[in-house]
Amino acid sequence: MIGAMGLCGSNTGALSDEDSAIGLALVDVATISLLHEQALRESTLVNDQLQRALNSRVLIEQAKAVIAQMNGVDMNEAFARLARYARPDHLNLREPSGKIVEGSLAL
């Protein structure tokens, strides 16, 4: 169940067949609108999460390149150094990667 809808009229008693059909049509439209809005909200949330993940991955790759260039190591070793730095303090790799790319942290 998504919600409830009350129908009021000027006459007492049951709704006519036509009024009932119109009421059901309104309920259907409202339900579709609510479901569409929910799907759009969920889609936006997933898109935002994917964009953040992509941005983090790009930043980590940039940091690996800086580490590799500054230390004359390959990308695997650069990643290992980044991970070793982040692991003891339970840091997300994005945090030190940002500092490395901006030049305030050298590994």
C-alpha atoms as a PDB file:
ATOM      1  CA  MET A   1       0.000   0.000   0.000  1.00  0.00           C
ATOM      2  CA  ILE A   2       1.341   3.413  -0.946  1.00  0.00           C
ATOM      3  CA  GLY A   3      -1.279   5.657   0.623  1.00  0.00           C
ATOM      4  CA  ALA A   4      -4.957   6.398   1.009  1.00  0.00           C
ATOM      5  CA  MET A   5      -7.344   8.723  -0.750  1.00  0.00           C
ATOM      6  CA  GLY A   6     -10.649   9.934   0.603  1.00  0.00           C
ATOM      7  CA  LEU A   7     -13.491  11.012  -1.654  1.00  0.00           C
ATOM      8  CA  CYS A   8     -16.116  13.384  -0.360  1.00  0.00           C
ATOM      9  CA  GLY A   9     -19.351  14.353  -2.008  1.00  0.00           C
ATOM     10  CA  SER A  10     -22.327  16.590  -1.403  1.00  0.00           C
ATOM     11  CA  ASN A  11     -24.711  13.622  -1.246  1.00  0.00           C
ATOM     12  CA  THR A  12     -24.746  10.879   1.338  1.00  0.00           C
ATOM     13  CA  GLY A  13     -24.549   7.243   0.343  1.00  0.00           C
ATOM     14  CA  ALA A  14     -22.478   5.178  -2.022  1.00  0.00           C
ATOM     15  CA  LEU A  15     -20.665   6.631  -5.008  1.00  0.00           C
ATOM     16  CA  SER A  16     -22.085   6.095  -8.441  1.00  0.00           C
ATOM     17  CA  ASP A  17     -20.246   3.741 -10.790  1.00  0.00           C
ATOM     18  CA  GLU A  18     -18.992   6.743 -12.756  1.00  0.00           C
ATOM     19  CA  ASP A  19     -17.731   8.520  -9.609  1.00  0.00           C
ATOM     20  CA  SER A  20     -16.020   5.313  -8.474  1.00  0.00           C
ATOM     21  CA  ALA A  21     -14.302   4.938 -11.846  1.00  0.00           C
ATOM     22  CA  ILE A  22     -13.128   8.559 -11.736  1.00  0.00           C
ATOM     23  CA  GLY A  23     -11.861   8.046  -8.180  1.00  0.00           C
ATOM     24  CA  LEU A  24      -9.939   4.925  -9.195  1.00  0.00           C
ATOM     25  CA  ALA A  25      -8.446   6.779 -12.162  1.00  0.00           C
ATOM     26  CA  LEU A  26      -7.246   9.548  -9.822  1.00  0.00           C
ATOM     27  CA  VAL A  27      -5.750   6.956  -7.482  1.00  0.00           C
ATOM     28  CA  ASP A  28      -3.966   5.290 -10.410  1.00  0.00           C
ATOM     29  CA  VAL A  29      -2.506   8.600 -11.589  1.00  0.00           C
ATOM     30  CA  ALA A  30      -1.389   9.506  -8.071  1.00  0.00           C
ATOM     31  CA  THR A  31       0.200   6.063  -7.579  1.00  0.00           C
ATOM     32  CA  ILE A  32       2.063   6.236 -10.881  1.00  0.00           C
ATOM     33  CA  SER A  33       3.301   9.726 -10.018  1.00  0.00           C
ATOM     34  CA  LEU A  34       4.558   8.610  -6.616  1.00  0.00           C
ATOM     35  CA  LEU A  35       6.284   5.531  -8.044  1.00  0.00           C
ATOM     36  CA  HIS A  36       7.877   7.598 -10.812  1.00  0.00           C
ATOM     37  CA  GLU A  37       9.181  10.143  -8.297  1.00  0.00           C
ATOM     38  CA  GLN A  38      10.592   7.360  -6.118  1.00  0.00           C
ATOM     39  CA  ALA A  39      12.328   5.713  -9.086  1.00  0.00           C
ATOM     40  CA  LEU A  40      13.762   9.070 -10.160  1.00  0.00           C
ATOM     41  CA  ARG A  41      15.055   9.748  -6.641  1.00  0.00           C
ATOM     42  CA  GLU A  42      16.682   6.304  -6.452  1.00  0.00           C
ATOM     43  CA  SER A  43      18.194   6.739  -9.912  1.00  0.00           C
ATOM     44  CA  THR A  44      19.633  10.115  -8.922  1.00  0.00           C
ATOM     45  CA  LEU A  45      21.099   8.583  -5.764  1.00  0.00           C
ATOM     46  CA  VAL A  46      22.761   5.768  -7.718  1.00  0.00           C
ATOM     47  CA  ASN A  47      24.098   8.234 -10.296  1.00  0.00           C
ATOM     48  CA  ASP A  48      25.548  10.419  -7.539  1.00  0.00           C
ATOM     49  CA  GLN A  49      27.207   7.403  -5.908  1.00  0.00           C
ATOM     50  CA  LEU A  50      28.683   6.266  -9.210  1.00  0.00           C
ATOM     51  CA  GLN A  51      29.975   9.766  -9.967  1.00  0.00           C
ATOM     52  CA  ARG A  52      31.634   9.991  -6.527  1.00  0.00           C
ATOM     53  CA  ALA A  53      33.221   6.577  -7.061  1.00  0.00           C
ATOM     54  CA  LEU A  54      34.510   7.607 -10.479  1.00  0.00           C
ATOM     55  CA  ASN A  55      35.889  10.883  -9.114  1.00  0.00           C
ATOM     56  CA  SER A  56      37.615   8.997  -6.291  1.00  0.00           C
ATOM     57  CA  ARG A  57      39.110   6.514  -8.735  1.00  0.00           C
ATOM     58  CA  VAL A  58      40.456   9.308 -10.941  1.00  0.00           C
ATOM     59  CA  LEU A  59      42.003  11.045  -7.917  1.00  0.00           C
ATOM     60  CA  ILE A  60      43.609   7.794  -6.739  1.00  0.00           C
ATOM     61  CA  GLU A  61      45.040   7.185 -10.214  1.00  0.00           C
ATOM     62  CA  GLN A  62      46.449  10.721 -10.249  1.00  0.00           C
ATOM     63  CA  ALA A  63      48.028  10.170  -6.835  1.00  0.00           C
ATOM     64  CA  LYS A  64      49.548   6.876  -8.013  1.00  0.00           C
ATOM     65  CA  ALA A  65      51.055   8.677 -10.990  1.00  0.00           C
ATOM     66  CA  VAL A  66      52.560  11.348  -8.730  1.00  0.00           C
ATOM     67  CA  ILE A  67      53.994   8.726  -6.370  1.00  0.00           C
ATOM     68  CA  ALA A  68      55.389   6.712  -9.282  1.00  0.00           C
ATOM     69  CA  GLN A  69      56.958   9.778 -10.896  1.00  0.00           C
ATOM     70  CA  MET A  70      58.451  11.180  -7.675  1.00  0.00           C
ATOM     71  CA  ASN A  71      59.882   7.836  -6.522  1.00  0.00           C
ATOM     72  CA  GLY A  72      60.730   6.095  -9.790  1.00  0.00           C
ATOM     73  CA  VAL A  73      58.438   3.145  -9.049  1.00  0.00           C
ATOM     74  CA  ASP A  74      55.748   1.417 -11.095  1.00  0.00           C
ATOM     75  CA  MET A  75      52.028   1.985 -10.604  1.00  0.00           C
ATOM     76  CA  ASN A  76      51.564  -1.200  -8.552  1.00  0.00           C
ATOM     77  CA  GLU A  77      54.223  -0.108  -6.085  1.00  0.00           C
ATOM     78  CA  ALA A  78      52.746   3.385  -6.021  1.00  0.00           C
ATOM     79  CA  PHE A  79      49.364   1.920  -5.083  1.00  0.00           C
ATOM     80  CA  ALA A  80      50.978  -0.292  -2.441  1.00  0.00           C
ATOM     81  CA  ARG A  81      52.620   2.773  -0.874  1.00  0.00           C
ATOM     82  CA  LEU A  82      49.357   4.670  -0.905  1.00  0.00           C
ATOM     83  CA  ALA A  83      47.526   1.745   0.703  1.00  0.00           C
ATOM     84  CA  ARG A  84      50.246   1.272   3.341  1.00  0.00           C
ATOM     85  CA  TYR A  85      49.969   4.945   4.223  1.00  0.00           C
ATOM     86  CA  ALA A  86      46.166   4.861   4.538  1.00  0.00           C
ATOM     87  CA  ARG A  87      45.736   1.497   6.268  1.00  0.00           C
ATOM     88  CA  PRO A  88      47.027   2.202   9.821  1.00  0.00           C
ATOM     89  CA  ASP A  89      44.672   5.157  10.284  1.00  0.00           C
ATOM     90  CA  HIS A  90      41.793   3.492   8.416  1.00  0.00           C
ATOM     91  CA  LEU A  91      41.772   6.332   5.893  1.00  0.00           C
ATOM     92  CA  ASN A  92      39.769   6.227   2.710  1.00  0.00           C
ATOM     93  CA  LEU A  93      42.296   6.267  -0.173  1.00  0.00           C
ATOM     94  CA  ARG A  94      40.657   9.445  -1.451  1.00  0.00           C
ATOM     95  CA  GLU A  95      41.908  11.493   1.523  1.00  0.00           C
ATOM     96  CA  PRO A  96      45.660  10.997   1.106  1.00  0.00           C
ATOM     97  CA  SER A  97      45.262  10.933  -2.688  1.00  0.00           C
ATOM     98  CA  GLY A  98      43.883  14.452  -2.643  1.00  0.00           C
ATOM     99  CA  LYS A  99      46.797  15.646  -0.510  1.00  0.00           C
ATOM    100  CA  ILE A 100      49.319  13.955  -2.778  1.00  0.00           C
ATOM    101  CA  VAL A 101      47.832  15.511  -5.915  1.00  0.00           C
ATOM    102  CA  GLU A 102      47.734  18.987  -4.358  1.00  0.00           C
ATOM    103  CA  GLY A 103      51.335  18.567  -3.187  1.00  0.00           C
ATOM    104  CA  SER A 104      50.816  18.697   0.580  1.00  0.00           C
ATOM    105  CA  LEU A 105      51.756  15.033   1.094  1.00  0.00           C
ATOM    106  CA  ALA A 106      54.657  13.099  -0.366  1.00  0.00           C
ATOM    107  CA  LEU A 107      55.049   9.322  -0.130  1.00  0.00           C
END
